[in-house]
Amino acid sequence: LANELRCQRCMRKFLFPAAHPPGQ
């Protein structure tokens, strides 16, 4: 985990969803 994550399919980077953090 980091502020910027890389998609394992399209290989594009995207920001960690801090505005809607993961739930259980």
mmCIF file of all heavy atoms, coordinates in Angstrom:
data_MODEL
# 
_entry.id   MODEL 
# 
loop_
_atom_site.group_PDB 
_atom_site.id 
_atom_site.type_symbol 
_atom_site.label_atom_id 
_atom_site.label_alt_id 
_atom_site.label_comp_id 
_atom_site.label_asym_id 
_atom_site.label_entity_id 
_atom_site.label_seq_id 
_atom_site.pdbx_PDB_ins_code 
_atom_site.Cartn_x 
_atom_site.Cartn_y 
_atom_site.Cartn_z 
_atom_site.occupancy 
_atom_site.B_iso_or_equiv 
_atom_site.pdbx_formal_charge 
_atom_site.auth_seq_id 
_atom_site.auth_comp_id 
_atom_site.auth_asym_id 
_atom_site.auth_atom_id 
_atom_site.pdbx_PDB_model_num 
ATOM 1   N N   . LEU A 1 1  ? 0.829   -1.203 0.000   1.00 0.00 ? 1  LEU A N   1 
ATOM 2   C CA  . LEU A 1 1  ? 0.000   0.000  0.000   1.00 0.00 ? 1  LEU A CA  1 
ATOM 3   C C   . LEU A 1 1  ? 0.864   1.254  0.000   1.00 0.00 ? 1  LEU A C   1 
ATOM 4   O O   . LEU A 1 1  ? 1.887   1.342  0.685   1.00 0.00 ? 1  LEU A O   1 
ATOM 5   C CB  . LEU A 1 1  ? -0.935  0.000  1.214   1.00 0.00 ? 1  LEU A CB  1 
ATOM 6   C CG  . LEU A 1 1  ? -1.972  -1.125 1.258   1.00 0.00 ? 1  LEU A CG  1 
ATOM 7   C CD1 . LEU A 1 1  ? -2.809  -1.028 2.524   1.00 0.00 ? 1  LEU A CD1 1 
ATOM 8   C CD2 . LEU A 1 1  ? -2.860  -1.096 0.022   1.00 0.00 ? 1  LEU A CD2 1 
ATOM 9   N N   . ALA A 1 2  ? 0.419   2.238  -0.774  1.00 0.00 ? 2  ALA A N   1 
ATOM 10  C CA  . ALA A 1 2  ? 1.115   3.525  -0.881  1.00 0.00 ? 2  ALA A CA  1 
ATOM 11  C C   . ALA A 1 2  ? 0.097   4.572  -1.317  1.00 0.00 ? 2  ALA A C   1 
ATOM 12  O O   . ALA A 1 2  ? -1.062  4.257  -1.603  1.00 0.00 ? 2  ALA A O   1 
ATOM 13  C CB  . ALA A 1 2  ? 2.274   3.431  -1.875  1.00 0.00 ? 2  ALA A CB  1 
ATOM 14  N N   . ASN A 1 3  ? 0.533   5.822  -1.365  1.00 0.00 ? 3  ASN A N   1 
ATOM 15  C CA  . ASN A 1 3  ? -0.376  6.880  -1.822  1.00 0.00 ? 3  ASN A CA  1 
ATOM 16  C C   . ASN A 1 3  ? -0.779  6.675  -3.269  1.00 0.00 ? 3  ASN A C   1 
ATOM 17  O O   . ASN A 1 3  ? -1.854  7.103  -3.692  1.00 0.00 ? 3  ASN A O   1 
ATOM 18  C CB  . ASN A 1 3  ? 0.286   8.248  -1.660  1.00 0.00 ? 3  ASN A CB  1 
ATOM 19  C CG  . ASN A 1 3  ? 0.404   8.652  -0.202  1.00 0.00 ? 3  ASN A CG  1 
ATOM 20  O OD1 . ASN A 1 3  ? -0.419  8.240  0.616   1.00 0.00 ? 3  ASN A OD1 1 
ATOM 21  N ND2 . ASN A 1 3  ? 1.442   9.407  0.128   1.00 0.00 ? 3  ASN A ND2 1 
ATOM 22  N N   . GLU A 1 4  ? 0.104   6.010  -4.052  1.00 0.00 ? 4  GLU A N   1 
ATOM 23  C CA  . GLU A 1 4  ? -0.182  5.748  -5.454  1.00 0.00 ? 4  GLU A CA  1 
ATOM 24  C C   . GLU A 1 4  ? -0.073  4.252  -5.712  1.00 0.00 ? 4  GLU A C   1 
ATOM 25  O O   . GLU A 1 4  ? 0.930   3.627  -5.362  1.00 0.00 ? 4  GLU A O   1 
ATOM 26  C CB  . GLU A 1 4  ? 0.795   6.524  -6.339  1.00 0.00 ? 4  GLU A CB  1 
ATOM 27  C CG  . GLU A 1 4  ? 0.397   6.574  -7.799  1.00 0.00 ? 4  GLU A CG  1 
ATOM 28  C CD  . GLU A 1 4  ? 1.305   7.474  -8.617  1.00 0.00 ? 4  GLU A CD  1 
ATOM 29  O OE1 . GLU A 1 4  ? 2.526   7.208  -8.640  1.00 0.00 ? 4  GLU A OE1 1 
ATOM 30  O OE2 . GLU A 1 4  ? 0.800   8.435  -9.229  1.00 0.00 ? 4  GLU A OE2 1 
ATOM 31  N N   . LEU A 1 5  ? -1.109  3.648  -6.319  1.00 0.00 ? 5  LEU A N   1 
ATOM 32  C CA  . LEU A 1 5  ? -1.153  2.213  -6.581  1.00 0.00 ? 5  LEU A CA  1 
ATOM 33  C C   . LEU A 1 5  ? -1.133  1.954  -8.082  1.00 0.00 ? 5  LEU A C   1 
ATOM 34  O O   . LEU A 1 5  ? -1.579  2.785  -8.866  1.00 0.00 ? 5  LEU A O   1 
ATOM 35  C CB  . LEU A 1 5  ? -2.416  1.609  -5.973  1.00 0.00 ? 5  LEU A CB  1 
ATOM 36  C CG  . LEU A 1 5  ? -2.631  1.839  -4.474  1.00 0.00 ? 5  LEU A CG  1 
ATOM 37  C CD1 . LEU A 1 5  ? -3.993  1.321  -4.048  1.00 0.00 ? 5  LEU A CD1 1 
ATOM 38  C CD2 . LEU A 1 5  ? -1.525  1.181  -3.664  1.00 0.00 ? 5  LEU A CD2 1 
ATOM 39  N N   . ARG A 1 6  ? -0.615  0.776  -8.462  1.00 0.00 ? 6  ARG A N   1 
ATOM 40  C CA  . ARG A 1 6  ? -0.593  0.401  -9.880  1.00 0.00 ? 6  ARG A CA  1 
ATOM 41  C C   . ARG A 1 6  ? -1.607  -0.716 -10.112 1.00 0.00 ? 6  ARG A C   1 
ATOM 42  O O   . ARG A 1 6  ? -1.636  -1.703 -9.381  1.00 0.00 ? 6  ARG A O   1 
ATOM 43  C CB  . ARG A 1 6  ? 0.789   -0.063 -10.307 1.00 0.00 ? 6  ARG A CB  1 
ATOM 44  C CG  . ARG A 1 6  ? 0.895   -0.417 -11.806 1.00 0.00 ? 6  ARG A CG  1 
ATOM 45  C CD  . ARG A 1 6  ? 2.275   -0.929 -12.165 1.00 0.00 ? 6  ARG A CD  1 
ATOM 46  N NE  . ARG A 1 6  ? 3.285   0.095  -12.021 1.00 0.00 ? 6  ARG A NE  1 
ATOM 47  C CZ  . ARG A 1 6  ? 3.575   1.007  -12.952 1.00 0.00 ? 6  ARG A CZ  1 
ATOM 48  N NH1 . ARG A 1 6  ? 2.880   1.010  -14.102 1.00 0.00 ? 6  ARG A NH1 1 
ATOM 49  N NH2 . ARG A 1 6  ? 4.529   1.884  -12.757 1.00 0.00 ? 6  ARG A NH2 1 
ATOM 50  N N   . CYS A 1 7  ? -2.438  -0.541 -11.158 1.00 0.00 ? 7  CYS A N   1 
ATOM 51  C CA  . CYS A 1 7  ? -3.422  -1.562 -11.505 1.00 0.00 ? 7  CYS A CA  1 
ATOM 52  C C   . CYS A 1 7  ? -2.715  -2.783 -12.063 1.00 0.00 ? 7  CYS A C   1 
ATOM 53  O O   . CYS A 1 7  ? -1.834  -2.675 -12.923 1.00 0.00 ? 7  CYS A O   1 
ATOM 54  C CB  . CYS A 1 7  ? -4.422  -1.005 -12.521 1.00 0.00 ? 7  CYS A CB  1 
ATOM 55  S SG  . CYS A 1 7  ? -5.634  -2.239 -13.092 1.00 0.00 ? 7  CYS A SG  1 
ATOM 56  N N   . GLN A 1 8  ? -3.107  -3.955 -11.586 1.00 0.00 ? 8  GLN A N   1 
ATOM 57  C CA  . GLN A 1 8  ? -2.462  -5.196 -12.024 1.00 0.00 ? 8  GLN A CA  1 
ATOM 58  C C   . GLN A 1 8  ? -2.943  -5.653 -13.389 1.00 0.00 ? 8  GLN A C   1 
ATOM 59  O O   . GLN A 1 8  ? -2.379  -6.577 -13.968 1.00 0.00 ? 8  GLN A O   1 
ATOM 60  C CB  . GLN A 1 8  ? -2.721  -6.283 -10.965 1.00 0.00 ? 8  GLN A CB  1 
ATOM 61  C CG  . GLN A 1 8  ? -2.111  -5.953 -9.614  1.00 0.00 ? 8  GLN A CG  1 
ATOM 62  C CD  . GLN A 1 8  ? -2.782  -6.654 -8.458  1.00 0.00 ? 8  GLN A CD  1 
ATOM 63  O OE1 . GLN A 1 8  ? -3.788  -7.346 -8.644  1.00 0.00 ? 8  GLN A OE1 1 
ATOM 64  N NE2 . GLN A 1 8  ? -2.271  -6.447 -7.251  1.00 0.00 ? 8  GLN A NE2 1 
ATOM 65  N N   . ARG A 1 9  ? -3.994  -5.008 -13.927 1.00 0.00 ? 9  ARG A N   1 
ATOM 66  C CA  . ARG A 1 9  ? -4.493  -5.380 -15.249 1.00 0.00 ? 9  ARG A CA  1 
ATOM 67  C C   . ARG A 1 9  ? -4.031  -4.387 -16.322 1.00 0.00 ? 9  ARG A C   1 
ATOM 68  O O   . ARG A 1 9  ? -3.340  -4.761 -17.258 1.00 0.00 ? 9  ARG A O   1 
ATOM 69  C CB  . ARG A 1 9  ? -6.017  -5.469 -15.254 1.00 0.00 ? 9  ARG A CB  1 
ATOM 70  C CG  . ARG A 1 9  ? -6.595  -5.744 -16.661 1.00 0.00 ? 9  ARG A CG  1 
ATOM 71  C CD  . ARG A 1 9  ? -8.098  -5.884 -16.641 1.00 0.00 ? 9  ARG A CD  1 
ATOM 72  N NE  . ARG A 1 9  ? -8.504  -7.130 -15.997 1.00 0.00 ? 9  ARG A NE  1 
ATOM 73  C CZ  . ARG A 1 9  ? -9.765  -7.456 -15.764 1.00 0.00 ? 9  ARG A CZ  1 
ATOM 74  N NH1 . ARG A 1 9  ? -10.745 -6.615 -16.087 1.00 0.00 ? 9  ARG A NH1 1 
ATOM 75  N NH2 . ARG A 1 9  ? -10.056 -8.616 -15.192 1.00 0.00 ? 9  ARG A NH2 1 
ATOM 76  N N   . CYS A 1 10 ? -4.414  -3.098 -16.180 1.00 0.00 ? 10 CYS A N   1 
ATOM 77  C CA  . CYS A 1 10 ? -4.059  -2.116 -17.221 1.00 0.00 ? 10 CYS A CA  1 
ATOM 78  C C   . CYS A 1 10 ? -2.724  -1.445 -16.966 1.00 0.00 ? 10 CYS A C   1 
ATOM 79  O O   . CYS A 1 10 ? -2.225  -0.685 -17.807 1.00 0.00 ? 10 CYS A O   1 
ATOM 80  C CB  . CYS A 1 10 ? -5.160  -1.069 -17.363 1.00 0.00 ? 10 CYS A CB  1 
ATOM 81  S SG  . CYS A 1 10 ? -5.294  0.055  -15.949 1.00 0.00 ? 10 CYS A SG  1 
ATOM 82  N N   . MET A 1 11 ? -2.142  -1.690 -15.802 1.00 0.00 ? 11 MET A N   1 
ATOM 83  C CA  . MET A 1 11 ? -0.825  -1.186 -15.411 1.00 0.00 ? 11 MET A CA  1 
ATOM 84  C C   . MET A 1 11 ? -0.788  0.329  -15.226 1.00 0.00 ? 11 MET A C   1 
ATOM 85  O O   . MET A 1 11 ? 0.277   0.910  -15.066 1.00 0.00 ? 11 MET A O   1 
ATOM 86  C CB  . MET A 1 11 ? 0.251   -1.615 -16.433 1.00 0.00 ? 11 MET A CB  1 
ATOM 87  C CG  . MET A 1 11 ? 0.360   -3.114 -16.621 1.00 0.00 ? 11 MET A CG  1 
ATOM 88  S SD  . MET A 1 11 ? 0.702   -3.988 -15.060 1.00 0.00 ? 11 MET A SD  1 
ATOM 89  C CE  . MET A 1 11 ? 2.348   -3.419 -14.704 1.00 0.00 ? 11 MET A CE  1 
ATOM 90  N N   . ARG A 1 12 ? -1.944  0.986  -15.232 1.00 0.00 ? 12 ARG A N   1 
ATOM 91  C CA  . ARG A 1 12 ? -1.976  2.419  -14.963 1.00 0.00 ? 12 ARG A CA  1 
ATOM 92  C C   . ARG A 1 12 ? -1.933  2.665  -13.456 1.00 0.00 ? 12 ARG A C   1 
ATOM 93  O O   . ARG A 1 12 ? -2.387  1.829  -12.668 1.00 0.00 ? 12 ARG A O   1 
ATOM 94  C CB  . ARG A 1 12 ? -3.238  3.057  -15.553 1.00 0.00 ? 12 ARG A CB  1 
ATOM 95  C CG  . ARG A 1 12 ? -3.294  3.006  -17.078 1.00 0.00 ? 12 ARG A CG  1 
ATOM 96  C CD  . ARG A 1 12 ? -4.589  3.639  -17.575 1.00 0.00 ? 12 ARG A CD  1 
ATOM 97  N NE  . ARG A 1 12 ? -4.706  3.535  -19.030 1.00 0.00 ? 12 ARG A NE  1 
ATOM 98  C CZ  . ARG A 1 12 ? -4.203  4.424  -19.889 1.00 0.00 ? 12 ARG A CZ  1 
ATOM 99  N NH1 . ARG A 1 12 ? -3.567  5.495  -19.426 1.00 0.00 ? 12 ARG A NH1 1 
ATOM 100 N NH2 . ARG A 1 12 ? -4.338  4.258  -21.185 1.00 0.00 ? 12 ARG A NH2 1 
ATOM 101 N N   . LYS A 1 13 ? -1.435  3.799  -13.069 1.00 0.00 ? 13 LYS A N   1 
ATOM 102 C CA  . LYS A 1 13 ? -1.372  4.174  -11.666 1.00 0.00 ? 13 LYS A CA  1 
ATOM 103 C C   . LYS A 1 13 ? -2.614  4.971  -11.289 1.00 0.00 ? 13 LYS A C   1 
ATOM 104 O O   . LYS A 1 13 ? -3.173  5.706  -12.097 1.00 0.00 ? 13 LYS A O   1 
ATOM 105 C CB  . LYS A 1 13 ? -0.112  4.984  -11.377 1.00 0.00 ? 13 LYS A CB  1 
ATOM 106 C CG  . LYS A 1 13 ? 1.177   4.177  -11.489 1.00 0.00 ? 13 LYS A CG  1 
ATOM 107 C CD  . LYS A 1 13 ? 2.386   5.011  -11.089 1.00 0.00 ? 13 LYS A CD  1 
ATOM 108 C CE  . LYS A 1 13 ? 3.660   4.170  -11.132 1.00 0.00 ? 13 LYS A CE  1 
ATOM 109 N NZ  . LYS A 1 13 ? 4.853   4.967  -10.720 1.00 0.00 ? 13 LYS A NZ  1 
ATOM 110 N N   . PHE A 1 14 ? -3.029  4.828  -10.020 1.00 0.00 ? 14 PHE A N   1 
ATOM 111 C CA  . PHE A 1 14 ? -4.147  5.612  -9.506  1.00 0.00 ? 14 PHE A CA  1 
ATOM 112 C C   . PHE A 1 14 ? -3.923  5.876  -8.021  1.00 0.00 ? 14 PHE A C   1 
ATOM 113 O O   . PHE A 1 14 ? -3.172  5.156  -7.356  1.00 0.00 ? 14 PHE A O   1 
ATOM 114 C CB  . PHE A 1 14 ? -5.482  4.899  -9.742  1.00 0.00 ? 14 PHE A CB  1 
ATOM 115 C CG  . PHE A 1 14 ? -5.616  3.574  -9.060  1.00 0.00 ? 14 PHE A CG  1 
ATOM 116 C CD1 . PHE A 1 14 ? -6.229  3.468  -7.813  1.00 0.00 ? 14 PHE A CD1 1 
ATOM 117 C CD2 . PHE A 1 14 ? -5.137  2.406  -9.656  1.00 0.00 ? 14 PHE A CD2 1 
ATOM 118 C CE1 . PHE A 1 14 ? -6.367  2.250  -7.175  1.00 0.00 ? 14 PHE A CE1 1 
ATOM 119 C CE2 . PHE A 1 14 ? -5.269  1.174  -9.021  1.00 0.00 ? 14 PHE A CE2 1 
ATOM 120 C CZ  . PHE A 1 14 ? -5.885  1.094  -7.773  1.00 0.00 ? 14 PHE A CZ  1 
ATOM 121 N N   . LEU A 1 15 ? -4.565  6.903  -7.532  1.00 0.00 ? 15 LEU A N   1 
ATOM 122 C CA  . LEU A 1 15 ? -4.382  7.313  -6.148  1.00 0.00 ? 15 LEU A CA  1 
ATOM 123 C C   . LEU A 1 15 ? -5.128  6.370  -5.209  1.00 0.00 ? 15 LEU A C   1 
ATOM 124 O O   . LEU A 1 15 ? -6.189  5.836  -5.538  1.00 0.00 ? 15 LEU A O   1 
ATOM 125 C CB  . LEU A 1 15 ? -4.880  8.750  -5.938  1.00 0.00 ? 15 LEU A CB  1 
ATOM 126 C CG  . LEU A 1 15 ? -4.084  9.839  -6.651  1.00 0.00 ? 15 LEU A CG  1 
ATOM 127 C CD1 . LEU A 1 15 ? -4.749  11.196 -6.431  1.00 0.00 ? 15 LEU A CD1 1 
ATOM 128 C CD2 . LEU A 1 15 ? -2.636  9.872  -6.169  1.00 0.00 ? 15 LEU A CD2 1 
ATOM 129 N N   . PHE A 1 16 ? -4.545  6.154  -4.035  1.00 0.00 ? 16 PHE A N   1 
ATOM 130 C CA  . PHE A 1 16 ? -5.213  5.375  -2.999  1.00 0.00 ? 16 PHE A CA  1 
ATOM 131 C C   . PHE A 1 16 ? -6.566  6.032  -2.704  1.00 0.00 ? 16 PHE A C   1 
ATOM 132 O O   . PHE A 1 16 ? -6.636  7.272  -2.559  1.00 0.00 ? 16 PHE A O   1 
ATOM 133 C CB  . PHE A 1 16 ? -4.345  5.345  -1.744  1.00 0.00 ? 16 PHE A CB  1 
ATOM 134 C CG  . PHE A 1 16 ? -4.920  4.510  -0.630  1.00 0.00 ? 16 PHE A CG  1 
ATOM 135 C CD1 . PHE A 1 16 ? -4.614  3.173  -0.521  1.00 0.00 ? 16 PHE A CD1 1 
ATOM 136 C CD2 . PHE A 1 16 ? -5.773  5.080  0.320   1.00 0.00 ? 16 PHE A CD2 1 
ATOM 137 C CE1 . PHE A 1 16 ? -5.135  2.407  0.510   1.00 0.00 ? 16 PHE A CE1 1 
ATOM 138 C CE2 . PHE A 1 16 ? -6.305  4.320  1.350   1.00 0.00 ? 16 PHE A CE2 1 
ATOM 139 C CZ  . PHE A 1 16 ? -5.987  2.966  1.443   1.00 0.00 ? 16 PHE A CZ  1 
ATOM 140 N N   . PRO A 1 17 ? -7.643  5.235  -2.593  1.00 0.00 ? 17 PRO A N   1 
ATOM 141 C CA  . PRO A 1 17 ? -8.973  5.835  -2.408  1.00 0.00 ? 17 PRO A CA  1 
ATOM 142 C C   . PRO A 1 17 ? -9.168  6.387  -0.987  1.00 0.00 ? 17 PRO A C   1 
ATOM 143 O O   . PRO A 1 17 ? -9.994  5.884  -0.205  1.00 0.00 ? 17 PRO A O   1 
ATOM 144 C CB  . PRO A 1 17 ? -9.912  4.660  -2.692  1.00 0.00 ? 17 PRO A CB  1 
ATOM 145 C CG  . PRO A 1 17 ? -9.125  3.453  -2.332  1.00 0.00 ? 17 PRO A CG  1 
ATOM 146 C CD  . PRO A 1 17 ? -7.716  3.770  -2.713  1.00 0.00 ? 17 PRO A CD  1 
ATOM 147 N N   . ALA A 1 18 ? -8.422  7.419  -0.661  1.00 0.00 ? 18 ALA A N   1 
ATOM 148 C CA  . ALA A 1 18 ? -8.464  7.976  0.689   1.00 0.00 ? 18 ALA A CA  1 
ATOM 149 C C   . ALA A 1 18 ? -9.800  8.631  0.996   1.00 0.00 ? 18 ALA A C   1 
ATOM 150 O O   . ALA A 1 18 ? -10.252 8.651  2.152   1.00 0.00 ? 18 ALA A O   1 
ATOM 151 C CB  . ALA A 1 18 ? -7.332  8.984  0.871   1.00 0.00 ? 18 ALA A CB  1 
ATOM 152 N N   . ALA A 1 19 ? -10.455 9.185  -0.024  1.00 0.00 ? 19 ALA A N   1 
ATOM 153 C CA  . ALA A 1 19 ? -11.743 9.849  0.213   1.00 0.00 ? 19 ALA A CA  1 
ATOM 154 C C   . ALA A 1 19 ? -12.830 8.835  0.576   1.00 0.00 ? 19 ALA A C   1 
ATOM 155 O O   . ALA A 1 19 ? -13.781 9.153  1.289   1.00 0.00 ? 19 ALA A O   1 
ATOM 156 C CB  . ALA A 1 19 ? -12.154 10.643 -1.024  1.00 0.00 ? 19 ALA A CB  1 
ATOM 157 N N   . HIS A 1 20 ? -12.689 7.621  0.081   1.00 0.00 ? 20 HIS A N   1 
ATOM 158 C CA  . HIS A 1 20 ? -13.627 6.531  0.408   1.00 0.00 ? 20 HIS A CA  1 
ATOM 159 C C   . HIS A 1 20 ? -12.799 5.310  0.823   1.00 0.00 ? 20 HIS A C   1 
ATOM 160 O O   . HIS A 1 20 ? -12.634 4.367  0.054   1.00 0.00 ? 20 HIS A O   1 
ATOM 161 C CB  . HIS A 1 20 ? -14.508 6.205  -0.793  1.00 0.00 ? 20 HIS A CB  1 
ATOM 162 C CG  . HIS A 1 20 ? -15.332 7.364  -1.258  1.00 0.00 ? 20 HIS A CG  1 
ATOM 163 N ND1 . HIS A 1 20 ? -16.480 7.768  -0.616  1.00 0.00 ? 20 HIS A ND1 1 
ATOM 164 C CD2 . HIS A 1 20 ? -15.147 8.224  -2.306  1.00 0.00 ? 20 HIS A CD2 1 
ATOM 165 C CE1 . HIS A 1 20 ? -16.988 8.805  -1.244  1.00 0.00 ? 20 HIS A CE1 1 
ATOM 166 N NE2 . HIS A 1 20 ? -16.203 9.109  -2.274  1.00 0.00 ? 20 HIS A NE2 1 
ATOM 167 N N   . PRO A 1 21 ? -12.235 5.337  2.008   1.00 0.00 ? 21 PRO A N   1 
ATOM 168 C CA  . PRO A 1 21 ? -11.336 4.251  2.437   1.00 0.00 ? 21 PRO A CA  1 
ATOM 169 C C   . PRO A 1 21 ? -12.046 2.906  2.455   1.00 0.00 ? 21 PRO A C   1 
ATOM 170 O O   . PRO A 1 21 ? -13.260 2.841  2.650   1.00 0.00 ? 21 PRO A O   1 
ATOM 171 C CB  . PRO A 1 21 ? -10.907 4.676  3.844   1.00 0.00 ? 21 PRO A CB  1 
ATOM 172 C CG  . PRO A 1 21 ? -11.956 5.632  4.294   1.00 0.00 ? 21 PRO A CG  1 
ATOM 173 C CD  . PRO A 1 21 ? -12.461 6.330  3.069   1.00 0.00 ? 21 PRO A CD  1 
ATOM 174 N N   . PRO A 1 22 ? -11.289 1.846  2.231   1.00 0.00 ? 22 PRO A N   1 
ATOM 175 C CA  . PRO A 1 22 ? -11.892 0.505  2.166   1.00 0.00 ? 22 PRO A CA  1 
ATOM 176 C C   . PRO A 1 22 ? -12.602 0.143  3.465   1.00 0.00 ? 22 PRO A C   1 
ATOM 177 O O   . PRO A 1 22 ? -12.133 0.459  4.566   1.00 0.00 ? 22 PRO A O   1 
ATOM 178 C CB  . PRO A 1 22 ? -10.691 -0.411 1.922   1.00 0.00 ? 22 PRO A CB  1 
ATOM 179 C CG  . PRO A 1 22 ? -9.641  0.481  1.362   1.00 0.00 ? 22 PRO A CG  1 
ATOM 180 C CD  . PRO A 1 22 ? -9.839  1.818  1.984   1.00 0.00 ? 22 PRO A CD  1 
ATOM 181 N N   . GLY A 1 23 ? -13.726 -0.537 3.320   1.00 0.00 ? 23 GLY A N   1 
ATOM 182 C CA  . GLY A 1 23 ? -14.450 -1.053 4.469   1.00 0.00 ? 23 GLY A CA  1 
ATOM 183 C C   . GLY A 1 23 ? -14.105 -2.509 4.698   1.00 0.00 ? 23 GLY A C   1 
ATOM 184 O O   . GLY A 1 23 ? -13.238 -3.089 4.029   1.00 0.00 ? 23 GLY A O   1 
ATOM 185 N N   . GLN A 1 24 ? -14.818 -3.141 5.625   1.00 0.00 ? 24 GLN A N   1 
ATOM 186 C CA  . GLN A 1 24 ? -14.520 -4.523 5.993   1.00 0.00 ? 24 GLN A CA  1 
ATOM 187 C C   . GLN A 1 24 ? -14.639 -5.471 4.807   1.00 0.00 ? 24 GLN A C   1 
ATOM 188 O O   . GLN A 1 24 ? -13.851 -6.403 4.671   1.00 0.00 ? 24 GLN A O   1 
ATOM 189 C CB  . GLN A 1 24 ? -15.458 -4.945 7.125   1.00 0.00 ? 24 GLN A CB  1 
ATOM 190 C CG  . GLN A 1 24 ? -15.076 -6.253 7.785   1.00 0.00 ? 24 GLN A CG  1 
ATOM 191 C CD  . GLN A 1 24 ? -16.000 -6.574 8.938   1.00 0.00 ? 24 GLN A CD  1 
ATOM 192 O OE1 . GLN A 1 24 ? -17.078 -7.132 8.742   1.00 0.00 ? 24 GLN A OE1 1 
ATOM 193 N NE2 . GLN A 1 24 ? -15.592 -6.209 10.144  1.00 0.00 ? 24 GLN A NE2 1 
# 
